[in-house]
Amino acid sequence: MARISLTPRRSLLFRATEWYSRRMYGKVLDPARALAHNPRVLWTDLRFEQSLAKWKSLDPGLKTLAVMASAASIGCSWCMDFGYWESRQRGMDVRKLQDVPTWRDSDAYAPLERDVMEYAEAMTANPPQVEDELAKRLLTTLGEAAFVELTAMVAVENLRSRMNTALGLTSQGFKDHCEIPARGRSTAD
């Protein structure tokens, strides 16, 4: 249960955020509802997320795996739920998304993907535990611009996941909207 009311004052900024959120995601995102209690924080977050969407040096699939591995390490169910849905909307392999929390035991990932998730977990540890050899491998393979973007995205996901977890935000049911119904059952069941 959320530690803060998800019914903030209906300012013009929040109403615009609600409209956009419903249009893009089918519902109002709980983090926006929580942040709307402080319009400056909400406005800064919205501008920040728009800026992040313009970063294009890192392969989107690798970015997704890094973000989700970080969210899984922190235990942010909201981020995992939304991340799964958002990545499915972009056509990412279901198995890769489902196996993120147990990626070390899965054969779904290529070596580079494994390095990215290991890096995300190492950065998310407190204190960070990034090893020079791993960083060097990633830097060599990805190049400087993509390596910096990877590092920044993991840091950003730490911000999101830690904030959502501290505010008590949990899954909003996004993942349920992209699951394939069991064979032989209608969606009306």
N, C-alpha and C. Protein backbone atom coordinates (compact mmCIF):
# COMPACT_ATOMS: atom_id res chain seq x y z
N MET A 1 0.84 -1.18 0.00
CA MET A 1 0.00 0.00 0.00
C MET A 1 0.89 1.25 0.00
N ALA A 2 0.49 2.21 -0.78
CA ALA A 2 1.27 3.44 -0.90
C ALA A 2 1.36 4.15 0.45
N ARG A 3 2.51 4.74 0.70
CA ARG A 3 2.74 5.48 1.95
C ARG A 3 2.29 6.93 1.84
N ILE A 4 1.83 7.31 0.66
CA ILE A 4 1.38 8.67 0.41
C ILE A 4 0.07 8.58 -0.37
N SER A 5 -0.80 9.52 -0.18
CA SER A 5 -2.06 9.54 -0.90
C SER A 5 -1.79 9.60 -2.41
N LEU A 6 -2.57 8.88 -3.15
CA LEU A 6 -2.46 8.92 -4.62
C LEU A 6 -3.57 9.78 -5.22
N THR A 7 -4.10 10.66 -4.39
CA THR A 7 -5.11 11.63 -4.85
C THR A 7 -4.63 13.04 -4.50
N PRO A 8 -3.66 13.55 -5.25
CA PRO A 8 -3.14 14.89 -4.99
C PRO A 8 -4.13 15.97 -5.41
N ARG A 9 -3.83 17.18 -5.05
CA ARG A 9 -4.62 18.33 -5.49
C ARG A 9 -4.62 18.35 -7.02
N ARG A 10 -5.74 18.64 -7.62
CA ARG A 10 -5.89 18.58 -9.07
C ARG A 10 -5.47 19.88 -9.74
N SER A 11 -4.18 20.15 -9.66
CA SER A 11 -3.62 21.34 -10.30
C SER A 11 -3.68 21.20 -11.82
N LEU A 12 -3.46 22.28 -12.51
CA LEU A 12 -3.41 22.24 -13.97
C LEU A 12 -2.32 21.27 -14.45
N LEU A 13 -1.16 21.30 -13.81
CA LEU A 13 -0.07 20.39 -14.17
C LEU A 13 -0.49 18.94 -13.98
N PHE A 14 -1.12 18.63 -12.87
CA PHE A 14 -1.53 17.25 -12.63
C PHE A 14 -2.62 16.81 -13.61
N ARG A 15 -3.56 17.69 -13.92
CA ARG A 15 -4.61 17.33 -14.89
C ARG A 15 -3.99 17.06 -16.26
N ALA A 16 -3.01 17.87 -16.67
CA ALA A 16 -2.32 17.64 -17.95
C ALA A 16 -1.55 16.32 -17.90
N THR A 17 -0.93 16.04 -16.76
CA THR A 17 -0.20 14.78 -16.60
C THR A 17 -1.15 13.59 -16.67
N GLU A 18 -2.30 13.71 -16.03
CA GLU A 18 -3.32 12.65 -16.08
C GLU A 18 -3.74 12.38 -17.52
N TRP A 19 -4.04 13.45 -18.25
CA TRP A 19 -4.48 13.31 -19.64
C TRP A 19 -3.41 12.59 -20.46
N TYR A 20 -2.18 13.04 -20.37
CA TYR A 20 -1.09 12.44 -21.12
C TYR A 20 -0.89 10.97 -20.72
N SER A 21 -0.90 10.71 -19.44
CA SER A 21 -0.68 9.37 -18.93
C SER A 21 -1.77 8.40 -19.42
N ARG A 22 -3.01 8.83 -19.36
CA ARG A 22 -4.11 7.97 -19.85
C ARG A 22 -3.97 7.71 -21.35
N ARG A 23 -3.59 8.74 -22.07
CA ARG A 23 -3.42 8.62 -23.52
C ARG A 23 -2.28 7.66 -23.88
N MET A 24 -1.18 7.75 -23.15
CA MET A 24 0.00 6.94 -23.47
C MET A 24 -0.04 5.54 -22.86
N TYR A 25 -0.57 5.43 -21.65
CA TYR A 25 -0.45 4.18 -20.90
C TYR A 25 -1.78 3.54 -20.52
N GLY A 26 -2.88 4.23 -20.80
CA GLY A 26 -4.19 3.68 -20.48
C GLY A 26 -4.64 3.95 -19.06
N LYS A 27 -3.78 4.49 -18.24
CA LYS A 27 -4.12 4.84 -16.86
C LYS A 27 -3.11 5.85 -16.35
N VAL A 28 -3.44 6.45 -15.22
CA VAL A 28 -2.53 7.43 -14.62
C VAL A 28 -1.49 6.66 -13.81
N LEU A 29 -0.23 6.96 -14.06
CA LEU A 29 0.86 6.27 -13.37
C LEU A 29 0.91 6.69 -11.90
N ASP A 30 1.01 5.71 -11.02
CA ASP A 30 1.06 6.01 -9.59
C ASP A 30 2.24 6.91 -9.20
N PRO A 31 3.44 6.75 -9.79
CA PRO A 31 4.51 7.68 -9.43
C PRO A 31 4.13 9.14 -9.73
N ALA A 32 3.41 9.38 -10.81
CA ALA A 32 2.97 10.75 -11.12
C ALA A 32 1.99 11.23 -10.07
N ARG A 33 1.09 10.36 -9.65
CA ARG A 33 0.13 10.73 -8.60
C ARG A 33 0.86 11.11 -7.32
N ALA A 34 1.87 10.32 -6.97
CA ALA A 34 2.62 10.58 -5.74
C ALA A 34 3.43 11.88 -5.85
N LEU A 35 4.12 12.05 -6.97
CA LEU A 35 4.96 13.24 -7.14
C LEU A 35 4.13 14.51 -7.27
N ALA A 36 2.88 14.40 -7.69
CA ALA A 36 2.04 15.58 -7.87
C ALA A 36 1.76 16.32 -6.57
N HIS A 37 2.06 15.70 -5.44
CA HIS A 37 1.93 16.41 -4.17
C HIS A 37 2.93 17.56 -4.08
N ASN A 38 3.97 17.50 -4.90
CA ASN A 38 4.95 18.58 -4.99
C ASN A 38 5.11 18.92 -6.47
N PRO A 39 4.37 19.90 -6.99
CA PRO A 39 4.39 20.19 -8.43
C PRO A 39 5.78 20.44 -9.01
N ARG A 40 6.67 21.04 -8.24
CA ARG A 40 8.03 21.26 -8.77
C ARG A 40 8.77 19.94 -8.98
N VAL A 41 8.57 19.01 -8.07
CA VAL A 41 9.20 17.70 -8.22
C VAL A 41 8.59 16.99 -9.43
N LEU A 42 7.27 17.02 -9.56
CA LEU A 42 6.61 16.39 -10.71
C LEU A 42 7.10 17.01 -12.02
N TRP A 43 7.12 18.34 -12.09
CA TRP A 43 7.54 19.02 -13.31
C TRP A 43 8.98 18.67 -13.67
N THR A 44 9.86 18.65 -12.68
CA THR A 44 11.26 18.29 -12.92
C THR A 44 11.37 16.85 -13.41
N ASP A 45 10.61 15.95 -12.78
CA ASP A 45 10.63 14.55 -13.18
C ASP A 45 10.13 14.38 -14.62
N LEU A 46 9.06 15.06 -14.98
CA LEU A 46 8.52 14.96 -16.34
C LEU A 46 9.54 15.44 -17.38
N ARG A 47 10.18 16.56 -17.12
CA ARG A 47 11.19 17.08 -18.04
C ARG A 47 12.39 16.14 -18.11
N PHE A 48 12.79 15.61 -16.98
CA PHE A 48 13.91 14.67 -16.91
C PHE A 48 13.61 13.42 -17.75
N GLU A 49 12.43 12.85 -17.58
CA GLU A 49 12.07 11.64 -18.33
C GLU A 49 11.99 11.92 -19.83
N GLN A 50 11.52 13.10 -20.22
CA GLN A 50 11.50 13.46 -21.64
C GLN A 50 12.92 13.55 -22.19
N SER A 51 13.82 14.07 -21.41
CA SER A 51 15.22 14.17 -21.81
C SER A 51 15.83 12.78 -21.98
N LEU A 52 15.56 11.90 -21.03
CA LEU A 52 16.11 10.54 -21.09
C LEU A 52 15.66 9.80 -22.35
N ALA A 53 14.43 10.04 -22.76
CA ALA A 53 13.88 9.37 -23.94
C ALA A 53 14.64 9.72 -25.21
N LYS A 54 15.39 10.79 -25.18
CA LYS A 54 16.16 11.23 -26.36
C LYS A 54 17.55 10.62 -26.43
N TRP A 55 17.97 9.91 -25.39
CA TRP A 55 19.29 9.28 -25.40
C TRP A 55 19.24 8.06 -26.32
N LYS A 56 20.16 7.99 -27.27
CA LYS A 56 20.09 6.93 -28.28
C LYS A 56 21.43 6.21 -28.54
N SER A 57 22.42 6.37 -27.67
CA SER A 57 23.72 5.74 -27.90
C SER A 57 23.73 4.25 -27.56
N LEU A 58 22.91 3.86 -26.60
CA LEU A 58 22.87 2.48 -26.13
C LEU A 58 21.70 1.74 -26.77
N ASP A 59 21.95 0.51 -27.22
CA ASP A 59 20.91 -0.33 -27.79
C ASP A 59 19.71 -0.40 -26.83
N PRO A 60 18.49 -0.19 -27.33
CA PRO A 60 17.30 -0.19 -26.45
C PRO A 60 17.11 -1.49 -25.66
N GLY A 61 17.43 -2.62 -26.26
CA GLY A 61 17.29 -3.90 -25.54
C GLY A 61 18.26 -3.99 -24.38
N LEU A 62 19.48 -3.54 -24.59
CA LEU A 62 20.47 -3.55 -23.50
C LEU A 62 20.05 -2.57 -22.40
N LYS A 63 19.52 -1.44 -22.81
CA LYS A 63 19.05 -0.44 -21.84
C LYS A 63 17.94 -1.03 -20.99
N THR A 64 17.01 -1.73 -21.62
CA THR A 64 15.91 -2.36 -20.90
C THR A 64 16.43 -3.36 -19.88
N LEU A 65 17.35 -4.22 -20.31
CA LEU A 65 17.88 -5.23 -19.39
C LEU A 65 18.60 -4.59 -18.21
N ALA A 66 19.35 -3.53 -18.47
CA ALA A 66 20.05 -2.83 -17.39
C ALA A 66 19.06 -2.23 -16.40
N VAL A 67 18.05 -1.56 -16.91
CA VAL A 67 17.05 -0.92 -16.07
C VAL A 67 16.30 -1.96 -15.25
N MET A 68 15.89 -3.04 -15.89
CA MET A 68 15.11 -4.06 -15.17
C MET A 68 15.97 -4.84 -14.17
N ALA A 69 17.24 -5.07 -14.50
CA ALA A 69 18.12 -5.76 -13.54
C ALA A 69 18.32 -4.89 -12.30
N SER A 70 18.44 -3.61 -12.50
CA SER A 70 18.57 -2.68 -11.38
C SER A 70 17.29 -2.67 -10.54
N ALA A 71 16.15 -2.57 -11.20
CA ALA A 71 14.86 -2.57 -10.50
C ALA A 71 14.65 -3.88 -9.73
N ALA A 72 15.04 -5.00 -10.33
CA ALA A 72 14.91 -6.29 -9.66
C ALA A 72 15.81 -6.36 -8.44
N SER A 73 17.03 -5.82 -8.54
CA SER A 73 17.95 -5.80 -7.40
C SER A 73 17.38 -5.02 -6.23
N ILE A 74 16.75 -3.92 -6.53
CA ILE A 74 16.17 -3.08 -5.49
C ILE A 74 14.86 -3.66 -4.98
N GLY A 75 14.17 -4.40 -5.85
CA GLY A 75 12.89 -5.00 -5.46
C GLY A 75 11.71 -4.10 -5.71
N CYS A 76 11.80 -3.27 -6.75
CA CYS A 76 10.71 -2.35 -7.07
C CYS A 76 9.69 -3.05 -7.97
N SER A 77 8.60 -3.49 -7.37
CA SER A 77 7.59 -4.20 -8.15
C SER A 77 6.91 -3.28 -9.16
N TRP A 78 6.77 -1.98 -8.82
CA TRP A 78 6.16 -1.06 -9.78
C TRP A 78 7.04 -0.97 -11.02
N CYS A 79 8.33 -0.80 -10.84
CA CYS A 79 9.24 -0.66 -11.98
C CYS A 79 9.30 -1.94 -12.82
N MET A 80 9.27 -3.09 -12.17
CA MET A 80 9.29 -4.35 -12.90
C MET A 80 8.00 -4.52 -13.71
N ASP A 81 6.88 -4.20 -13.11
CA ASP A 81 5.58 -4.29 -13.77
C ASP A 81 5.52 -3.38 -14.99
N PHE A 82 5.83 -2.11 -14.80
CA PHE A 82 5.77 -1.15 -15.90
C PHE A 82 6.85 -1.45 -16.94
N GLY A 83 8.04 -1.81 -16.49
CA GLY A 83 9.14 -2.12 -17.41
C GLY A 83 8.81 -3.31 -18.30
N TYR A 84 8.18 -4.32 -17.74
CA TYR A 84 7.77 -5.49 -18.52
C TYR A 84 6.78 -5.06 -19.60
N TRP A 85 5.76 -4.31 -19.20
CA TRP A 85 4.73 -3.87 -20.15
C TRP A 85 5.33 -2.99 -21.25
N GLU A 86 6.12 -2.00 -20.83
CA GLU A 86 6.72 -1.07 -21.79
C GLU A 86 7.62 -1.81 -22.78
N SER A 87 8.38 -2.76 -22.30
CA SER A 87 9.30 -3.51 -23.17
C SER A 87 8.56 -4.45 -24.10
N ARG A 88 7.47 -5.03 -23.63
CA ARG A 88 6.63 -5.88 -24.50
C ARG A 88 6.01 -5.04 -25.60
N GLN A 89 5.62 -3.81 -25.27
CA GLN A 89 5.05 -2.91 -26.28
C GLN A 89 6.06 -2.65 -27.39
N ARG A 90 7.32 -2.67 -27.05
CA ARG A 90 8.40 -2.43 -28.02
C ARG A 90 8.88 -3.72 -28.68
N GLY A 91 8.27 -4.85 -28.34
CA GLY A 91 8.57 -6.12 -28.99
C GLY A 91 9.70 -6.93 -28.40
N MET A 92 10.10 -6.66 -27.17
CA MET A 92 11.19 -7.42 -26.55
C MET A 92 10.74 -8.83 -26.23
N ASP A 93 11.67 -9.76 -26.32
CA ASP A 93 11.44 -11.17 -26.06
C ASP A 93 10.91 -11.39 -24.63
N VAL A 94 9.75 -12.05 -24.54
CA VAL A 94 9.10 -12.30 -23.25
C VAL A 94 10.01 -13.05 -22.30
N ARG A 95 10.68 -14.05 -22.80
CA ARG A 95 11.53 -14.87 -21.92
C ARG A 95 12.63 -14.03 -21.29
N LYS A 96 13.24 -13.16 -22.09
CA LYS A 96 14.30 -12.31 -21.53
C LYS A 96 13.74 -11.42 -20.42
N LEU A 97 12.56 -10.91 -20.61
CA LEU A 97 11.95 -10.04 -19.60
C LEU A 97 11.59 -10.83 -18.34
N GLN A 98 11.00 -12.00 -18.52
CA GLN A 98 10.59 -12.81 -17.38
C GLN A 98 11.78 -13.32 -16.57
N ASP A 99 12.89 -13.57 -17.24
CA ASP A 99 14.05 -14.16 -16.57
C ASP A 99 14.98 -13.15 -15.92
N VAL A 100 14.70 -11.86 -16.04
CA VAL A 100 15.61 -10.85 -15.48
C VAL A 100 15.94 -11.11 -14.00
N PRO A 101 14.97 -11.37 -13.14
CA PRO A 101 15.32 -11.56 -11.72
C PRO A 101 16.25 -12.76 -11.48
N THR A 102 16.25 -13.71 -12.40
CA THR A 102 17.09 -14.91 -12.24
C THR A 102 18.00 -15.09 -13.46
N TRP A 103 18.50 -13.99 -14.00
CA TRP A 103 19.25 -14.02 -15.25
C TRP A 103 20.47 -14.93 -15.20
N ARG A 104 21.09 -15.07 -14.05
CA ARG A 104 22.29 -15.92 -13.95
C ARG A 104 21.97 -17.39 -14.24
N ASP A 105 20.74 -17.80 -13.98
CA ASP A 105 20.33 -19.19 -14.18
C ASP A 105 19.64 -19.42 -15.52
N SER A 106 19.53 -18.39 -16.34
CA SER A 106 18.81 -18.49 -17.61
C SER A 106 19.79 -18.58 -18.77
N ASP A 107 19.38 -19.31 -19.80
CA ASP A 107 20.19 -19.39 -21.02
C ASP A 107 19.64 -18.46 -22.11
N ALA A 108 18.80 -17.52 -21.73
CA ALA A 108 18.15 -16.62 -22.70
C ALA A 108 19.04 -15.46 -23.15
N TYR A 109 20.18 -15.28 -22.49
CA TYR A 109 20.96 -14.06 -22.73
C TYR A 109 22.31 -14.33 -23.39
N ALA A 110 22.69 -13.38 -24.24
CA ALA A 110 24.01 -13.40 -24.87
C ALA A 110 25.04 -12.88 -23.86
N PRO A 111 26.32 -13.12 -24.10
CA PRO A 111 27.35 -12.65 -23.16
C PRO A 111 27.29 -11.14 -22.88
N LEU A 112 27.08 -10.32 -23.89
CA LEU A 112 27.00 -8.88 -23.68
C LEU A 112 25.82 -8.52 -22.77
N GLU A 113 24.68 -9.17 -22.98
CA GLU A 113 23.51 -8.91 -22.14
C GLU A 113 23.81 -9.29 -20.68
N ARG A 114 24.52 -10.38 -20.49
CA ARG A 114 24.90 -10.81 -19.14
C ARG A 114 25.82 -9.77 -18.49
N ASP A 115 26.77 -9.26 -19.28
CA ASP A 115 27.67 -8.23 -18.74
C ASP A 115 26.89 -6.98 -18.34
N VAL A 116 25.93 -6.59 -19.16
CA VAL A 116 25.12 -5.41 -18.86
C VAL A 116 24.34 -5.60 -17.56
N MET A 117 23.73 -6.77 -17.39
CA MET A 117 22.96 -7.01 -16.16
C MET A 117 23.87 -7.13 -14.94
N GLU A 118 25.03 -7.72 -15.12
CA GLU A 118 25.99 -7.79 -14.01
C GLU A 118 26.44 -6.38 -13.61
N TYR A 119 26.69 -5.55 -14.59
CA TYR A 119 27.09 -4.16 -14.34
C TYR A 119 25.99 -3.41 -13.60
N ALA A 120 24.74 -3.59 -14.05
CA ALA A 120 23.60 -2.93 -13.39
C ALA A 120 23.50 -3.36 -11.93
N GLU A 121 23.64 -4.63 -11.67
CA GLU A 121 23.57 -5.12 -10.29
C GLU A 121 24.74 -4.59 -9.47
N ALA A 122 25.94 -4.58 -10.07
CA ALA A 122 27.13 -4.10 -9.35
C ALA A 122 27.01 -2.62 -9.01
N MET A 123 26.46 -1.84 -9.94
CA MET A 123 26.25 -0.41 -9.67
C MET A 123 25.18 -0.19 -8.62
N THR A 124 24.18 -1.06 -8.57
CA THR A 124 23.05 -0.91 -7.66
C THR A 124 23.41 -1.33 -6.24
N ALA A 125 24.43 -2.17 -6.10
CA ALA A 125 24.86 -2.59 -4.76
C ALA A 125 25.26 -1.37 -3.94
N ASN A 126 25.16 -1.52 -2.63
CA ASN A 126 25.51 -0.41 -1.75
C ASN A 126 26.60 -0.85 -0.78
N PRO A 127 27.83 -0.39 -0.97
CA PRO A 127 28.31 0.53 -1.99
C PRO A 127 28.44 -0.18 -3.34
N PRO A 128 28.53 0.60 -4.42
CA PRO A 128 28.70 -0.02 -5.74
C PRO A 128 29.92 -0.94 -5.77
N GLN A 129 29.80 -2.04 -6.52
CA GLN A 129 30.86 -3.05 -6.56
C GLN A 129 31.28 -3.36 -7.99
N VAL A 130 31.45 -2.34 -8.81
CA VAL A 130 31.82 -2.51 -10.20
C VAL A 130 33.30 -2.90 -10.27
N GLU A 131 33.57 -3.98 -10.97
CA GLU A 131 34.96 -4.44 -11.13
C GLU A 131 35.54 -3.86 -12.41
N ASP A 132 36.84 -3.53 -12.36
CA ASP A 132 37.52 -2.93 -13.50
C ASP A 132 37.42 -3.78 -14.76
N GLU A 133 37.56 -5.10 -14.62
CA GLU A 133 37.52 -5.98 -15.78
C GLU A 133 36.17 -5.92 -16.50
N LEU A 134 35.08 -5.92 -15.74
CA LEU A 134 33.74 -5.82 -16.33
C LEU A 134 33.56 -4.48 -17.03
N ALA A 135 33.95 -3.40 -16.36
CA ALA A 135 33.83 -2.07 -16.97
C ALA A 135 34.64 -1.98 -18.25
N LYS A 136 35.83 -2.55 -18.24
CA LYS A 136 36.70 -2.51 -19.44
C LYS A 136 36.05 -3.28 -20.59
N ARG A 137 35.49 -4.46 -20.30
CA ARG A 137 34.81 -5.26 -21.33
C ARG A 137 33.67 -4.48 -21.95
N LEU A 138 32.86 -3.87 -21.11
CA LEU A 138 31.72 -3.11 -21.61
C LEU A 138 32.16 -1.88 -22.39
N LEU A 139 33.15 -1.18 -21.90
CA LEU A 139 33.66 0.00 -22.59
C LEU A 139 34.22 -0.37 -23.96
N THR A 140 34.94 -1.47 -24.04
CA THR A 140 35.50 -1.94 -25.30
C THR A 140 34.41 -2.34 -26.28
N THR A 141 33.41 -3.04 -25.80
CA THR A 141 32.34 -3.54 -26.67
C THR A 141 31.36 -2.44 -27.08
N LEU A 142 30.96 -1.62 -26.13
CA LEU A 142 29.92 -0.62 -26.38
C LEU A 142 30.45 0.70 -26.93
N GLY A 143 31.67 1.06 -26.57
CA GLY A 143 32.19 2.38 -26.89
C GLY A 143 31.87 3.34 -25.76
N GLU A 144 32.54 4.48 -25.76
CA GLU A 144 32.43 5.41 -24.65
C GLU A 144 31.03 6.01 -24.48
N ALA A 145 30.42 6.45 -25.58
CA ALA A 145 29.10 7.09 -25.47
C ALA A 145 28.06 6.13 -24.90
N ALA A 146 28.01 4.91 -25.40
CA ALA A 146 27.02 3.93 -24.92
C ALA A 146 27.33 3.49 -23.50
N PHE A 147 28.62 3.40 -23.15
CA PHE A 147 29.00 3.02 -21.78
C PHE A 147 28.55 4.10 -20.79
N VAL A 148 28.73 5.34 -21.14
CA VAL A 148 28.28 6.44 -20.28
C VAL A 148 26.76 6.40 -20.16
N GLU A 149 26.06 6.16 -21.26
CA GLU A 149 24.59 6.09 -21.22
C GLU A 149 24.13 4.93 -20.35
N LEU A 150 24.78 3.78 -20.48
CA LEU A 150 24.45 2.62 -19.65
C LEU A 150 24.61 2.98 -18.17
N THR A 151 25.72 3.59 -17.84
CA THR A 151 25.98 3.97 -16.45
C THR A 151 24.93 4.95 -15.95
N ALA A 152 24.60 5.93 -16.76
CA ALA A 152 23.59 6.92 -16.37
C ALA A 152 22.21 6.28 -16.23
N MET A 153 21.85 5.36 -17.12
CA MET A 153 20.53 4.72 -17.04
C MET A 153 20.39 3.87 -15.78
N VAL A 154 21.46 3.20 -15.40
CA VAL A 154 21.39 2.41 -14.16
C VAL A 154 21.22 3.36 -12.97
N ALA A 155 21.94 4.46 -12.98
CA ALA A 155 21.79 5.45 -11.90
C ALA A 155 20.38 6.01 -11.87
N VAL A 156 19.82 6.30 -13.03
CA VAL A 156 18.44 6.82 -13.12
C VAL A 156 17.46 5.79 -12.57
N GLU A 157 17.64 4.53 -12.94
CA GLU A 157 16.72 3.50 -12.44
C GLU A 157 16.85 3.33 -10.94
N ASN A 158 18.04 3.53 -10.41
CA ASN A 158 18.18 3.51 -8.96
C ASN A 158 17.34 4.61 -8.33
N LEU A 159 17.35 5.79 -8.92
CA LEU A 159 16.52 6.90 -8.44
C LEU A 159 15.04 6.51 -8.48
N ARG A 160 14.59 6.03 -9.64
CA ARG A 160 13.18 5.67 -9.79
C ARG A 160 12.77 4.57 -8.80
N SER A 161 13.53 3.47 -8.82
CA SER A 161 13.17 2.30 -8.00
C SER A 161 13.22 2.60 -6.51
N ARG A 162 14.23 3.33 -6.10
CA ARG A 162 14.34 3.65 -4.67
C ARG A 162 13.23 4.61 -4.24
N MET A 163 12.90 5.57 -5.08
CA MET A 163 11.83 6.50 -4.75
C MET A 163 10.49 5.77 -4.71
N ASN A 164 10.19 4.97 -5.73
CA ASN A 164 8.92 4.25 -5.76
C ASN A 164 8.79 3.29 -4.58
N THR A 165 9.87 2.59 -4.27
CA THR A 165 9.84 1.65 -3.15
C THR A 165 9.64 2.39 -1.83
N ALA A 166 10.36 3.49 -1.65
CA ALA A 166 10.23 4.26 -0.40
C ALA A 166 8.82 4.84 -0.26
N LEU A 167 8.19 5.22 -1.38
CA LEU A 167 6.83 5.75 -1.34
C LEU A 167 5.77 4.65 -1.21
N GLY A 168 6.22 3.38 -1.27
CA GLY A 168 5.29 2.26 -1.12
C GLY A 168 4.49 1.96 -2.37
N LEU A 169 5.00 2.37 -3.53
CA LEU A 169 4.28 2.11 -4.78
C LEU A 169 4.56 0.68 -5.23
N THR A 170 3.51 -0.01 -5.61
CA THR A 170 3.62 -1.41 -6.05
C THR A 170 3.00 -1.56 -7.43
N SER A 171 3.06 -2.77 -7.95
CA SER A 171 2.57 -3.07 -9.29
C SER A 171 1.20 -2.46 -9.53
N GLN A 172 1.03 -1.95 -10.74
CA GLN A 172 -0.22 -1.31 -11.12
C GLN A 172 -1.01 -2.16 -12.11
N GLY A 173 -0.52 -3.37 -12.39
CA GLY A 173 -1.24 -4.27 -13.29
C GLY A 173 -0.91 -4.12 -14.76
N PHE A 174 0.16 -3.43 -15.09
CA PHE A 174 0.53 -3.26 -16.49
C PHE A 174 0.88 -4.60 -17.14
N LYS A 175 1.64 -5.41 -16.44
CA LYS A 175 2.08 -6.69 -17.00
C LYS A 175 0.90 -7.57 -17.40
N ASP A 176 -0.18 -7.49 -16.63
CA ASP A 176 -1.36 -8.30 -16.91
C ASP A 176 -1.98 -7.99 -18.27
N HIS A 177 -1.75 -6.77 -18.77
CA HIS A 177 -2.34 -6.36 -20.04
C HIS A 177 -1.57 -6.89 -21.25
N CYS A 178 -0.41 -7.49 -21.03
CA CYS A 178 0.34 -7.98 -22.18
C CYS A 178 0.63 -9.47 -22.08
N GLU A 179 0.09 -10.12 -21.08
CA GLU A 179 0.25 -11.56 -20.98
C GLU A 179 -0.62 -12.26 -22.03
N ILE A 180 -0.15 -13.35 -22.54
CA ILE A 180 -0.91 -14.14 -23.51
C ILE A 180 -1.81 -15.07 -22.72
N PRO A 181 -3.13 -15.05 -22.98
CA PRO A 181 -4.03 -15.94 -22.24
C PRO A 181 -3.65 -17.40 -22.45
N ALA A 182 -3.91 -18.22 -21.44
CA ALA A 182 -3.63 -19.65 -21.54
C ALA A 182 -4.42 -20.25 -22.69
N ARG A 183 -3.84 -21.19 -23.41
CA ARG A 183 -4.49 -21.83 -24.54
C ARG A 183 -5.79 -22.50 -24.09
N GLY A 184 -6.82 -22.32 -24.88
CA GLY A 184 -8.11 -22.95 -24.59
C GLY A 184 -9.01 -22.10 -23.69
N ARG A 185 -8.48 -20.97 -23.22
CA ARG A 185 -9.31 -20.09 -22.38
C ARG A 185 -9.60 -18.81 -23.15
N SER A 186 -10.77 -18.33 -23.03
CA SER A 186 -11.09 -17.06 -23.66
C SER A 186 -10.65 -15.94 -22.74
N THR A 187 -10.51 -14.75 -23.29
CA THR A 187 -10.11 -13.61 -22.47
C THR A 187 -11.24 -13.18 -21.54
N ALA A 188 -12.46 -13.70 -21.75
CA ALA A 188 -13.59 -13.36 -20.89
C ALA A 188 -13.57 -14.16 -19.59
N ASP A 189 -12.76 -15.22 -19.51
CA ASP A 189 -12.70 -16.04 -18.30
C ASP A 189 -12.20 -15.28 -17.12
